[in-house]
Amino acid sequence: MPDSSGASSVTLVVGDLHLFAARSKGIKYWKELPAILKKDDVESCVLMGDIFDFPWARQIGHDAAVAQAAQMVEKLVREFPKVDFHYLFGNHDQSPAFECLLTTLSEELSKFSAHEVYLRFGEIVFMHGDAADHRKMSVETLLRRRRVRAGGSGHGGIQERIYRIVVALRIDEAPSWLPFFPTLVHRRLRAFIEQEGIHGIEHVVYGHTHRSLDRVDQGVRFTNAGSPIGYRKKRPLCAGCGWVERKGEMLGLPMDPSA
């Protein structure tokens, strides 16, 4: 984003780490964030949703996961008081309890804010991406679905056993391409944005599908930094992370060009 002098500044984008889930390798990247944030040109950081995975936080449980997640976010924000932090909720971390904790944090720290659906910087809009899950998605439906999914006590019993089988068989890789075909996802995201009366958008940065890409569809640029989920041999150098600059150019976006 541009600073007061008109010079370009960099926004770090981090999404879909799914911390606390058994299949996630995201903790490695979370621990690397401080080193990235120490770069002089990083002025803001957008956490794109599903940073944490409360439904699958089976080892410590939902309540403990929510408390620990809030502590992790607060520690990161306090460590870098000059960086503007924005937290966008996703379909795995919009627990009402977590929302409450982050709202309190935003009231205490002027450099931190939490956003339910999207964040706009000029012609760039950031959103988690689950608005593309259905052809006609309203904000009300989106938030209701998220809170039901992320706000409970987590999955267990037969669901837990099925989940372990899915991970073992690597079926969990399917959501990165099925049914999330990029053209369909981008069409639905455009429709959602227009439905919400958001105009003048040239660049949409999103997550959710776990598929890294950077392409233009019908005159709008769509970018997804991917996710450290599953067993893919070809993955971003820093899965789930990237950085954008006000002019719309990706600066060092660590994506696998063959993805």
Protein backbone atom coordinates (compact mmCIF):
# COMPACT_ATOMS: atom_id res chain seq x y z
CA MET A 1 0.00 0.00 0.00
CA PRO A 2 1.23 3.53 -0.58
CA ASP A 3 2.57 5.54 2.34
CA SER A 4 2.05 9.24 2.92
CA SER A 5 4.94 10.08 0.60
CA GLY A 6 3.40 8.14 -2.28
CA ALA A 7 6.07 5.45 -2.19
CA SER A 8 5.05 1.80 -2.42
CA SER A 9 5.01 -0.32 0.69
CA VAL A 10 4.58 -4.05 1.08
CA THR A 11 1.74 -6.02 2.66
CA LEU A 12 2.54 -9.55 3.79
CA VAL A 13 -0.28 -12.02 3.12
CA VAL A 14 -0.59 -15.21 5.19
CA GLY A 15 -3.43 -17.71 4.93
CA ASP A 16 -4.69 -21.26 5.43
CA LEU A 17 -2.03 -22.50 7.83
CA HIS A 18 -4.70 -24.59 9.64
CA LEU A 19 -2.72 -24.64 12.88
CA PHE A 20 -3.88 -27.31 15.40
CA ALA A 21 -5.04 -29.66 12.60
CA ALA A 22 -3.13 -32.95 12.30
CA ARG A 23 -2.57 -32.57 8.56
CA SER A 24 -1.13 -29.05 8.81
CA LYS A 25 2.55 -28.21 8.44
CA GLY A 26 1.76 -24.56 9.06
CA ILE A 27 3.57 -24.14 12.36
CA LYS A 28 6.85 -24.03 10.45
CA TYR A 29 5.68 -20.99 8.51
CA TRP A 30 4.15 -19.31 11.55
CA LYS A 31 7.53 -19.48 13.27
CA GLU A 32 9.16 -17.90 10.20
CA LEU A 33 6.86 -14.86 10.20
CA PRO A 34 8.94 -12.75 12.63
CA ALA A 35 11.98 -12.94 10.34
CA ILE A 36 9.85 -11.84 7.36
CA LEU A 37 8.17 -9.04 9.32
CA LYS A 38 11.53 -7.59 10.28
CA LYS A 39 12.05 -6.49 6.68
CA ASP A 40 12.00 -2.70 6.51
CA ASP A 41 9.48 -2.51 3.67
CA VAL A 42 6.77 -4.64 5.33
CA GLU A 43 4.24 -2.14 6.69
CA SER A 44 1.16 -4.32 7.01
CA CYS A 45 0.22 -7.98 7.39
CA VAL A 46 -3.09 -9.58 6.41
CA LEU A 47 -3.91 -12.90 8.06
CA MET A 48 -6.31 -14.33 5.49
CA GLY A 49 -8.35 -16.76 7.55
CA ASP A 50 -8.06 -20.41 8.57
CA ILE A 51 -4.78 -19.55 10.22
CA PHE A 52 -6.15 -21.83 12.94
CA ASP A 53 -8.38 -24.88 12.59
CA PHE A 54 -10.70 -25.16 15.56
CA PRO A 55 -12.98 -27.99 14.29
CA TRP A 56 -9.93 -30.29 14.01
CA ALA A 57 -8.06 -29.17 17.13
CA ARG A 58 -8.43 -32.65 18.56
CA GLN A 59 -5.23 -32.82 20.60
CA ILE A 60 -5.97 -29.83 22.85
CA GLY A 61 -9.69 -29.26 22.29
CA HIS A 62 -11.69 -26.30 20.98
CA ASP A 63 -11.57 -24.01 24.01
CA ALA A 64 -7.85 -24.44 24.62
CA ALA A 65 -7.15 -23.95 20.91
CA VAL A 66 -9.11 -20.69 20.84
CA ALA A 67 -7.27 -19.35 23.88
CA GLN A 68 -3.87 -20.36 22.50
CA ALA A 69 -4.66 -18.91 19.07
CA ALA A 70 -5.57 -15.54 20.56
CA GLN A 71 -2.34 -15.54 22.56
CA MET A 72 -0.30 -16.34 19.44
CA VAL A 73 -1.90 -13.49 17.49
CA GLU A 74 -1.42 -11.04 20.35
CA LYS A 75 2.23 -12.01 20.79
CA LEU A 76 2.91 -11.49 17.09
CA VAL A 77 1.18 -8.10 16.99
CA ARG A 78 2.90 -6.82 20.12
CA GLU A 79 6.29 -7.93 18.80
CA PHE A 80 5.91 -5.65 15.77
CA PRO A 81 4.23 -2.42 16.95
CA LYS A 82 5.02 -0.60 13.70
CA VAL A 83 3.20 -3.12 11.49
CA ASP A 84 -0.53 -2.84 10.76
CA PHE A 85 -2.13 -6.26 11.32
CA HIS A 86 -5.49 -7.29 9.86
CA TYR A 87 -7.18 -10.61 10.68
CA LEU A 88 -9.75 -11.94 8.22
CA PHE A 89 -11.80 -14.84 9.54
CA GLY A 90 -12.22 -18.07 7.56
CA ASN A 91 -14.57 -21.03 7.72
CA HIS A 92 -12.34 -22.92 10.18
CA ASP A 93 -11.52 -20.12 12.64
CA GLN A 94 -14.60 -17.87 12.94
CA SER A 95 -15.53 -19.22 16.34
CA PRO A 96 -17.67 -16.76 18.35
CA ALA A 97 -15.25 -17.12 21.26
CA PHE A 98 -12.27 -16.32 19.02
CA GLU A 99 -14.14 -13.37 17.49
CA CYS A 100 -14.72 -11.99 20.97
CA LEU A 101 -11.05 -12.31 21.94
CA LEU A 102 -9.82 -10.65 18.74
CA THR A 103 -12.39 -7.86 19.07
CA THR A 104 -11.06 -7.13 22.55
CA LEU A 105 -7.52 -7.18 21.18
CA SER A 106 -8.45 -4.70 18.45
CA GLU A 107 -9.78 -2.35 21.13
CA GLU A 108 -6.50 -2.54 23.04
CA LEU A 109 -4.07 -2.31 20.11
CA SER A 110 -4.46 0.43 17.50
CA LYS A 111 -2.35 -1.48 14.96
CA PHE A 112 -4.64 -4.53 14.96
CA SER A 113 -8.08 -5.02 13.44
CA ALA A 114 -10.34 -8.00 12.77
CA HIS A 115 -12.65 -8.31 9.75
CA GLU A 116 -15.55 -10.69 9.19
CA VAL A 117 -15.79 -10.87 5.41
CA TYR A 118 -13.32 -8.72 3.47
CA LEU A 119 -10.70 -6.01 3.65
CA ARG A 120 -10.19 -3.39 0.96
CA PHE A 121 -7.05 -1.40 0.15
CA GLY A 122 -7.81 0.80 -2.84
CA GLU A 123 -8.39 -1.41 -5.86
CA ILE A 124 -7.28 -4.55 -3.98
CA VAL A 125 -9.71 -6.64 -1.92
CA PHE A 126 -8.66 -9.41 0.46
CA MET A 127 -11.11 -12.17 1.39
CA HIS A 128 -10.88 -15.72 2.67
CA GLY A 129 -12.60 -17.21 -0.36
CA ASP A 130 -15.34 -19.44 1.05
CA ALA A 131 -17.89 -17.04 -0.44
CA ALA A 132 -17.31 -19.13 -3.59
CA ASP A 133 -18.59 -22.34 -1.96
CA HIS A 134 -22.07 -21.75 -3.38
CA ARG A 135 -23.45 -20.02 -6.45
CA LYS A 136 -25.47 -17.52 -4.45
CA MET A 137 -23.83 -16.68 -1.14
CA SER A 138 -25.00 -13.82 1.06
CA VAL A 139 -23.00 -12.38 3.94
CA GLU A 140 -25.60 -13.67 6.38
CA THR A 141 -25.38 -17.23 5.05
CA LEU A 142 -21.60 -17.10 4.93
CA LEU A 143 -21.26 -16.03 8.58
CA ARG A 144 -23.87 -18.53 9.77
CA ARG A 145 -22.09 -21.41 8.05
CA ARG A 146 -18.73 -20.35 9.47
CA ARG A 147 -19.88 -20.02 13.06
CA VAL A 148 -21.65 -23.37 13.04
CA ARG A 149 -18.53 -25.03 11.67
CA ALA A 150 -15.88 -23.33 13.82
CA GLY A 151 -17.79 -22.61 17.00
CA GLY A 152 -18.57 -26.10 18.27
CA SER A 153 -16.61 -28.56 20.37
CA GLY A 154 -14.86 -30.04 17.33
CA HIS A 155 -15.23 -33.28 15.43
CA GLY A 156 -14.96 -36.60 17.15
CA GLY A 157 -15.94 -40.25 17.08
CA ILE A 158 -16.65 -41.56 13.60
CA GLN A 159 -15.75 -38.18 12.04
CA GLU A 160 -12.30 -38.35 13.62
CA ARG A 161 -11.71 -41.86 12.29
CA ILE A 162 -12.86 -40.89 8.80
CA TYR A 163 -10.61 -37.84 8.94
CA ARG A 164 -7.56 -39.96 9.75
CA ILE A 165 -8.36 -42.28 6.83
CA VAL A 166 -8.79 -39.29 4.49
CA VAL A 167 -5.38 -37.90 5.48
CA ALA A 168 -3.70 -41.31 5.24
CA LEU A 169 -5.08 -41.84 1.71
CA ARG A 170 -4.23 -38.24 0.73
CA ILE A 171 -7.84 -37.61 -0.30
CA ASP A 172 -7.56 -34.29 1.54
CA GLU A 173 -5.67 -32.92 -1.45
CA ALA A 174 -8.83 -32.97 -3.55
CA PRO A 175 -10.29 -29.64 -2.29
CA SER A 176 -7.35 -27.83 -3.89
CA TRP A 177 -8.77 -28.61 -7.31
CA LEU A 178 -12.20 -30.24 -6.92
CA PRO A 179 -14.73 -28.67 -7.06
CA PHE A 180 -12.75 -25.42 -6.83
CA PHE A 181 -11.93 -24.89 -10.49
CA PRO A 182 -10.33 -21.42 -10.63
CA THR A 183 -12.68 -20.05 -13.29
CA LEU A 184 -15.72 -21.05 -11.23
CA VAL A 185 -14.22 -19.72 -8.00
CA HIS A 186 -13.35 -16.39 -9.59
CA ARG A 187 -16.79 -16.02 -11.16
CA ARG A 188 -18.46 -16.60 -7.80
CA LEU A 189 -16.11 -14.25 -5.95
CA ARG A 190 -16.78 -11.53 -8.52
CA ALA A 191 -20.54 -12.06 -8.09
CA PHE A 192 -20.23 -11.87 -4.30
CA ILE A 193 -18.17 -8.68 -4.48
CA GLU A 194 -20.63 -7.04 -6.86
CA GLN A 195 -23.56 -8.16 -4.72
CA GLU A 196 -21.99 -6.39 -1.75
CA GLY A 197 -21.69 -3.18 -3.76
CA ILE A 198 -17.89 -3.24 -3.88
CA HIS A 199 -16.81 -1.47 -7.06
CA GLY A 200 -13.51 -0.56 -8.70
CA ILE A 201 -11.72 -3.77 -7.77
CA GLU A 202 -8.78 -4.77 -9.95
CA HIS A 203 -7.11 -7.39 -7.76
CA VAL A 204 -8.66 -10.07 -5.51
CA VAL A 205 -6.37 -11.86 -3.03
CA TYR A 206 -8.00 -14.91 -1.48
CA GLY A 207 -7.34 -18.32 0.09
CA HIS A 208 -9.58 -21.27 1.04
CA THR A 209 -8.92 -23.49 -2.02
CA HIS A 210 -5.30 -24.19 -0.96
CA ARG A 211 -4.25 -23.82 -4.59
CA SER A 212 -1.50 -21.33 -5.40
CA LEU A 213 -2.16 -19.24 -8.49
CA ASP A 214 -1.81 -15.77 -9.95
CA ARG A 215 -3.94 -15.10 -13.04
CA VAL A 216 -6.28 -12.64 -14.68
CA ASP A 217 -9.92 -13.54 -15.33
CA GLN A 218 -12.14 -11.08 -17.21
CA GLY A 219 -9.89 -8.14 -16.43
CA VAL A 220 -9.52 -8.83 -12.68
CA ARG A 221 -6.37 -10.28 -11.17
CA PHE A 222 -6.83 -13.17 -8.73
CA THR A 223 -4.03 -14.35 -6.44
CA ASN A 224 -3.86 -17.24 -3.98
CA ALA A 225 -0.65 -18.12 -2.11
CA GLY A 226 -1.65 -21.74 -1.41
CA SER A 227 -1.47 -23.65 1.86
CA PRO A 228 0.92 -25.97 3.75
CA ILE A 229 -1.70 -28.72 3.79
CA GLY A 230 -1.44 -32.28 2.52
CA TYR A 231 1.42 -34.13 0.84
CA ARG A 232 2.09 -32.29 -2.42
CA LYS A 233 5.63 -32.67 -3.66
CA LYS A 234 5.42 -29.41 -5.59
CA ARG A 235 4.40 -26.59 -3.29
CA PRO A 236 5.21 -22.92 -2.65
CA LEU A 237 8.58 -22.24 -1.07
CA CYS A 238 6.66 -20.60 1.75
CA ALA A 239 3.21 -22.10 1.37
CA GLY A 240 0.37 -19.82 2.37
CA CYS A 241 2.52 -16.66 2.25
CA GLY A 242 3.03 -13.91 -0.28
CA TRP A 243 3.22 -10.16 -0.48
CA VAL A 244 1.42 -7.57 -2.55
CA GLU A 245 2.27 -4.02 -3.44
CA ARG A 246 -0.01 -1.07 -4.17
CA LYS A 247 0.63 -1.07 -7.92
CA GLY A 248 -0.80 -4.58 -8.15
CA GLU A 249 2.51 -6.33 -8.68
CA MET A 250 3.38 -9.36 -6.60
CA LEU A 251 6.72 -8.88 -4.89
CA GLY A 252 8.53 -12.17 -4.42
CA LEU A 253 5.31 -14.20 -4.21
CA PRO A 254 6.71 -17.65 -3.28
CA MET A 255 4.60 -19.79 -5.58
CA ASP A 256 5.50 -22.95 -7.42
CA PRO A 257 5.39 -21.84 -11.09
CA SER A 258 4.35 -25.34 -12.16
CA ALA A 259 1.32 -25.38 -9.84
